[in-house]
């Protein structure tokens, strides 16, 4: 945020944009993987599912953790009119 001289809201918006871009790219790569053979394809599907579970776990942890609290973000002087992207 400070390195790029962004407001709190702009930083939240940029983080959400970057996250969604990465997820879309991941899903596109998953959809367009070539076949490597029956066993290998099954392993690739399993690996992709494990990555999705890890991403979901990280998101769940960050929502439940006391490390990242909306109240702390909104206490920032630049945070008078924040909207949190989903």
N, C-alpha and C. Protein backbone atom coordinates (compact mmCIF):
# COMPACT_ATOMS: atom_id res chain seq x y z
N UNK A 1 0.83 -1.18 0.00
CA UNK A 1 0.00 0.00 0.00
C UNK A 1 0.88 1.24 0.00
N UNK A 2 1.80 1.35 0.93
CA UNK A 2 2.64 2.53 1.00
C UNK A 2 3.64 2.59 -0.15
N UNK A 3 4.20 1.43 -0.52
CA UNK A 3 5.18 1.40 -1.60
C UNK A 3 4.57 1.88 -2.92
N UNK A 4 3.32 1.57 -3.13
CA UNK A 4 2.64 1.97 -4.38
C UNK A 4 1.81 3.23 -4.19
N UNK A 5 1.86 3.80 -2.99
CA UNK A 5 1.15 5.05 -2.67
C UNK A 5 -0.35 4.93 -2.95
N UNK A 6 -0.92 3.85 -2.46
CA UNK A 6 -2.35 3.62 -2.64
C UNK A 6 -3.09 3.93 -1.34
N UNK A 7 -4.31 4.38 -1.47
CA UNK A 7 -5.16 4.53 -0.29
C UNK A 7 -5.51 3.13 0.20
N UNK A 8 -6.06 3.05 1.39
CA UNK A 8 -6.48 1.75 1.92
C UNK A 8 -7.49 1.11 0.97
N UNK A 9 -8.48 1.88 0.51
CA UNK A 9 -9.49 1.34 -0.39
C UNK A 9 -8.87 0.87 -1.70
N UNK A 10 -7.98 1.67 -2.27
CA UNK A 10 -7.33 1.29 -3.53
C UNK A 10 -6.49 0.03 -3.34
N UNK A 11 -5.85 -0.10 -2.19
CA UNK A 11 -5.05 -1.30 -1.91
C UNK A 11 -5.94 -2.53 -1.80
N UNK A 12 -7.08 -2.39 -1.12
CA UNK A 12 -8.02 -3.52 -1.03
C UNK A 12 -8.55 -3.91 -2.41
N UNK A 13 -8.90 -2.92 -3.19
CA UNK A 13 -9.40 -3.19 -4.54
C UNK A 13 -8.34 -3.86 -5.40
N UNK A 14 -7.11 -3.39 -5.30
CA UNK A 14 -6.02 -3.98 -6.09
C UNK A 14 -5.73 -5.41 -5.64
N UNK A 15 -5.73 -5.65 -4.34
CA UNK A 15 -5.50 -7.01 -3.84
C UNK A 15 -6.59 -7.96 -4.33
N UNK A 16 -7.85 -7.52 -4.30
CA UNK A 16 -8.95 -8.35 -4.80
C UNK A 16 -8.81 -8.60 -6.29
N UNK A 17 -8.44 -7.57 -7.04
CA UNK A 17 -8.27 -7.72 -8.49
C UNK A 17 -7.17 -8.73 -8.79
N UNK A 18 -6.04 -8.62 -8.10
CA UNK A 18 -4.92 -9.53 -8.32
C UNK A 18 -5.30 -10.96 -7.96
N UNK A 19 -6.02 -11.13 -6.84
CA UNK A 19 -6.46 -12.45 -6.41
C UNK A 19 -7.35 -13.08 -7.48
N UNK A 20 -8.35 -12.33 -7.94
CA UNK A 20 -9.29 -12.86 -8.93
C UNK A 20 -8.59 -13.19 -10.25
N UNK A 21 -7.62 -12.39 -10.64
CA UNK A 21 -6.85 -12.69 -11.86
C UNK A 21 -6.11 -14.01 -11.72
N UNK A 22 -5.46 -14.22 -10.58
CA UNK A 22 -4.72 -15.47 -10.35
C UNK A 22 -5.63 -16.68 -10.33
N UNK A 23 -6.78 -16.55 -9.70
CA UNK A 23 -7.74 -17.67 -9.65
C UNK A 23 -8.24 -17.99 -11.06
N UNK A 24 -8.58 -16.97 -11.83
CA UNK A 24 -9.04 -17.20 -13.21
C UNK A 24 -7.95 -17.88 -14.04
N UNK A 25 -6.72 -17.46 -13.87
CA UNK A 25 -5.62 -18.08 -14.62
C UNK A 25 -5.44 -19.54 -14.20
N UNK A 26 -5.51 -19.81 -12.91
CA UNK A 26 -5.41 -21.18 -12.42
C UNK A 26 -6.50 -22.05 -13.03
N UNK A 27 -7.74 -21.57 -13.00
CA UNK A 27 -8.86 -22.34 -13.54
C UNK A 27 -8.72 -22.56 -15.04
N UNK A 28 -8.22 -21.56 -15.75
CA UNK A 28 -8.01 -21.70 -17.20
C UNK A 28 -6.93 -22.75 -17.49
N UNK A 29 -5.85 -22.71 -16.74
CA UNK A 29 -4.79 -23.72 -16.93
C UNK A 29 -5.34 -25.11 -16.62
N UNK A 30 -6.12 -25.21 -15.56
CA UNK A 30 -6.71 -26.51 -15.20
C UNK A 30 -7.62 -27.01 -16.34
N UNK A 31 -8.43 -26.13 -16.91
CA UNK A 31 -9.36 -26.52 -17.98
C UNK A 31 -8.63 -26.94 -19.25
N UNK A 32 -7.46 -26.39 -19.50
CA UNK A 32 -6.79 -26.60 -20.78
C UNK A 32 -5.59 -27.54 -20.70
N UNK A 33 -5.44 -28.23 -19.56
CA UNK A 33 -4.33 -29.18 -19.47
C UNK A 33 -4.50 -30.29 -20.51
N UNK A 34 -3.43 -30.62 -21.17
CA UNK A 34 -3.51 -31.75 -22.11
C UNK A 34 -3.58 -33.06 -21.33
N UNK A 35 -3.92 -34.11 -22.01
CA UNK A 35 -3.94 -35.43 -21.38
C UNK A 35 -2.52 -35.99 -21.34
N UNK A 36 -2.18 -36.55 -20.20
CA UNK A 36 -0.87 -37.19 -20.02
C UNK A 36 -1.00 -38.70 -19.86
N UNK A 37 -2.21 -39.19 -19.98
CA UNK A 37 -2.48 -40.61 -19.77
C UNK A 37 -3.48 -40.75 -18.62
N UNK A 38 -4.14 -41.88 -18.55
CA UNK A 38 -5.22 -42.07 -17.59
C UNK A 38 -4.75 -41.86 -16.15
N UNK A 39 -3.68 -42.53 -15.75
CA UNK A 39 -3.20 -42.41 -14.37
C UNK A 39 -2.69 -41.01 -14.07
N UNK A 40 -1.94 -40.45 -15.00
CA UNK A 40 -1.39 -39.11 -14.81
C UNK A 40 -2.49 -38.06 -14.74
N UNK A 41 -3.51 -38.20 -15.59
CA UNK A 41 -4.63 -37.26 -15.57
C UNK A 41 -5.34 -37.30 -14.21
N UNK A 42 -5.53 -38.50 -13.67
CA UNK A 42 -6.16 -38.63 -12.36
C UNK A 42 -5.30 -37.96 -11.29
N UNK A 43 -3.99 -38.13 -11.38
CA UNK A 43 -3.09 -37.48 -10.42
C UNK A 43 -3.13 -35.96 -10.56
N UNK A 44 -3.20 -35.47 -11.79
CA UNK A 44 -3.28 -34.03 -12.01
C UNK A 44 -4.58 -33.47 -11.45
N UNK A 45 -5.70 -34.18 -11.65
CA UNK A 45 -6.98 -33.73 -11.10
C UNK A 45 -6.93 -33.69 -9.58
N UNK A 46 -6.31 -34.72 -8.99
CA UNK A 46 -6.19 -34.77 -7.54
C UNK A 46 -5.31 -33.62 -7.03
N UNK A 47 -4.22 -33.35 -7.71
CA UNK A 47 -3.33 -32.26 -7.32
C UNK A 47 -4.04 -30.91 -7.44
N UNK A 48 -4.77 -30.70 -8.52
CA UNK A 48 -5.52 -29.45 -8.69
C UNK A 48 -6.55 -29.30 -7.57
N UNK A 49 -7.21 -30.39 -7.21
CA UNK A 49 -8.19 -30.33 -6.11
C UNK A 49 -7.51 -30.00 -4.79
N UNK A 50 -6.34 -30.55 -4.56
CA UNK A 50 -5.59 -30.23 -3.34
C UNK A 50 -5.21 -28.76 -3.30
N UNK A 51 -4.79 -28.21 -4.44
CA UNK A 51 -4.47 -26.78 -4.49
C UNK A 51 -5.70 -25.92 -4.19
N UNK A 52 -6.85 -26.31 -4.75
CA UNK A 52 -8.09 -25.57 -4.47
C UNK A 52 -8.43 -25.63 -2.98
N UNK A 53 -8.25 -26.79 -2.37
CA UNK A 53 -8.52 -26.93 -0.94
C UNK A 53 -7.59 -26.06 -0.12
N UNK A 54 -6.34 -26.00 -0.54
CA UNK A 54 -5.38 -25.16 0.18
C UNK A 54 -5.77 -23.69 0.08
N UNK A 55 -6.15 -23.25 -1.11
CA UNK A 55 -6.58 -21.86 -1.29
C UNK A 55 -7.79 -21.58 -0.40
N UNK A 56 -8.75 -22.48 -0.43
CA UNK A 56 -9.94 -22.31 0.41
C UNK A 56 -9.60 -22.29 1.88
N UNK A 57 -8.67 -23.12 2.30
CA UNK A 57 -8.25 -23.15 3.70
C UNK A 57 -7.58 -21.86 4.12
N UNK A 58 -6.76 -21.32 3.25
CA UNK A 58 -6.10 -20.06 3.55
C UNK A 58 -7.14 -18.94 3.69
N UNK A 59 -8.11 -18.91 2.80
CA UNK A 59 -9.16 -17.90 2.88
C UNK A 59 -9.97 -18.04 4.17
N UNK A 60 -10.34 -19.27 4.51
CA UNK A 60 -11.10 -19.51 5.74
C UNK A 60 -10.29 -19.09 6.95
N UNK A 61 -9.01 -19.45 6.98
CA UNK A 61 -8.15 -19.08 8.11
C UNK A 61 -8.06 -17.56 8.24
N UNK A 62 -7.88 -16.87 7.12
CA UNK A 62 -7.72 -15.42 7.20
C UNK A 62 -8.99 -14.74 7.68
N UNK A 63 -10.15 -15.32 7.38
CA UNK A 63 -11.42 -14.74 7.86
C UNK A 63 -11.61 -14.98 9.36
N UNK A 64 -11.13 -16.12 9.84
CA UNK A 64 -11.35 -16.49 11.24
C UNK A 64 -10.22 -16.04 12.16
N UNK A 65 -9.08 -15.77 11.61
CA UNK A 65 -7.91 -15.41 12.40
C UNK A 65 -8.04 -14.02 12.99
N UNK A 66 -7.50 -13.84 14.16
CA UNK A 66 -7.47 -12.49 14.75
C UNK A 66 -6.40 -11.64 14.09
N UNK A 67 -5.60 -12.23 13.24
CA UNK A 67 -4.55 -11.48 12.56
C UNK A 67 -5.12 -10.45 11.58
N UNK A 68 -6.22 -10.79 10.92
CA UNK A 68 -6.81 -9.91 9.93
C UNK A 68 -8.22 -9.54 10.36
N UNK A 69 -8.37 -8.41 10.94
CA UNK A 69 -9.68 -7.96 11.40
C UNK A 69 -10.08 -6.68 10.67
N UNK A 70 -11.30 -6.66 10.19
CA UNK A 70 -11.81 -5.49 9.48
C UNK A 70 -11.74 -4.26 10.39
N UNK A 71 -12.02 -4.43 11.67
CA UNK A 71 -11.99 -3.30 12.60
C UNK A 71 -10.63 -2.62 12.61
N UNK A 72 -9.58 -3.41 12.52
CA UNK A 72 -8.23 -2.83 12.50
C UNK A 72 -8.00 -2.04 11.22
N UNK A 73 -8.50 -2.55 10.10
CA UNK A 73 -8.34 -1.82 8.84
C UNK A 73 -9.14 -0.53 8.86
N UNK A 74 -10.34 -0.60 9.40
CA UNK A 74 -11.19 0.59 9.39
C UNK A 74 -10.74 1.62 10.41
N UNK A 75 -9.87 1.25 11.34
CA UNK A 75 -9.35 2.22 12.30
C UNK A 75 -8.25 3.09 11.67
N UNK A 76 -7.77 2.70 10.52
CA UNK A 76 -6.72 3.45 9.83
C UNK A 76 -7.27 4.82 9.43
N UNK A 77 -6.46 5.88 9.53
CA UNK A 77 -6.94 7.23 9.20
C UNK A 77 -7.50 7.38 7.78
N UNK A 78 -7.03 6.59 6.84
CA UNK A 78 -7.50 6.70 5.45
C UNK A 78 -8.75 5.86 5.19
N UNK A 79 -9.30 5.25 6.21
CA UNK A 79 -10.33 4.23 6.00
C UNK A 79 -11.75 4.70 6.29
N UNK A 80 -12.05 5.93 6.10
CA UNK A 80 -13.37 6.43 6.47
C UNK A 80 -14.50 5.83 5.64
N UNK A 81 -14.26 5.56 4.37
CA UNK A 81 -15.32 5.07 3.48
C UNK A 81 -14.88 3.81 2.73
N UNK A 82 -14.55 2.77 3.47
CA UNK A 82 -14.07 1.54 2.82
C UNK A 82 -15.22 0.67 2.37
N UNK A 83 -15.01 0.01 1.25
CA UNK A 83 -15.90 -1.06 0.85
C UNK A 83 -15.01 -2.25 0.54
N UNK A 84 -15.34 -3.38 1.11
CA UNK A 84 -14.49 -4.56 0.99
C UNK A 84 -14.97 -5.42 -0.16
N UNK A 85 -14.11 -5.59 -1.20
CA UNK A 85 -14.50 -6.42 -2.35
C UNK A 85 -14.59 -7.87 -1.96
N UNK A 86 -15.43 -8.60 -2.68
CA UNK A 86 -15.55 -10.03 -2.39
C UNK A 86 -14.91 -10.84 -3.48
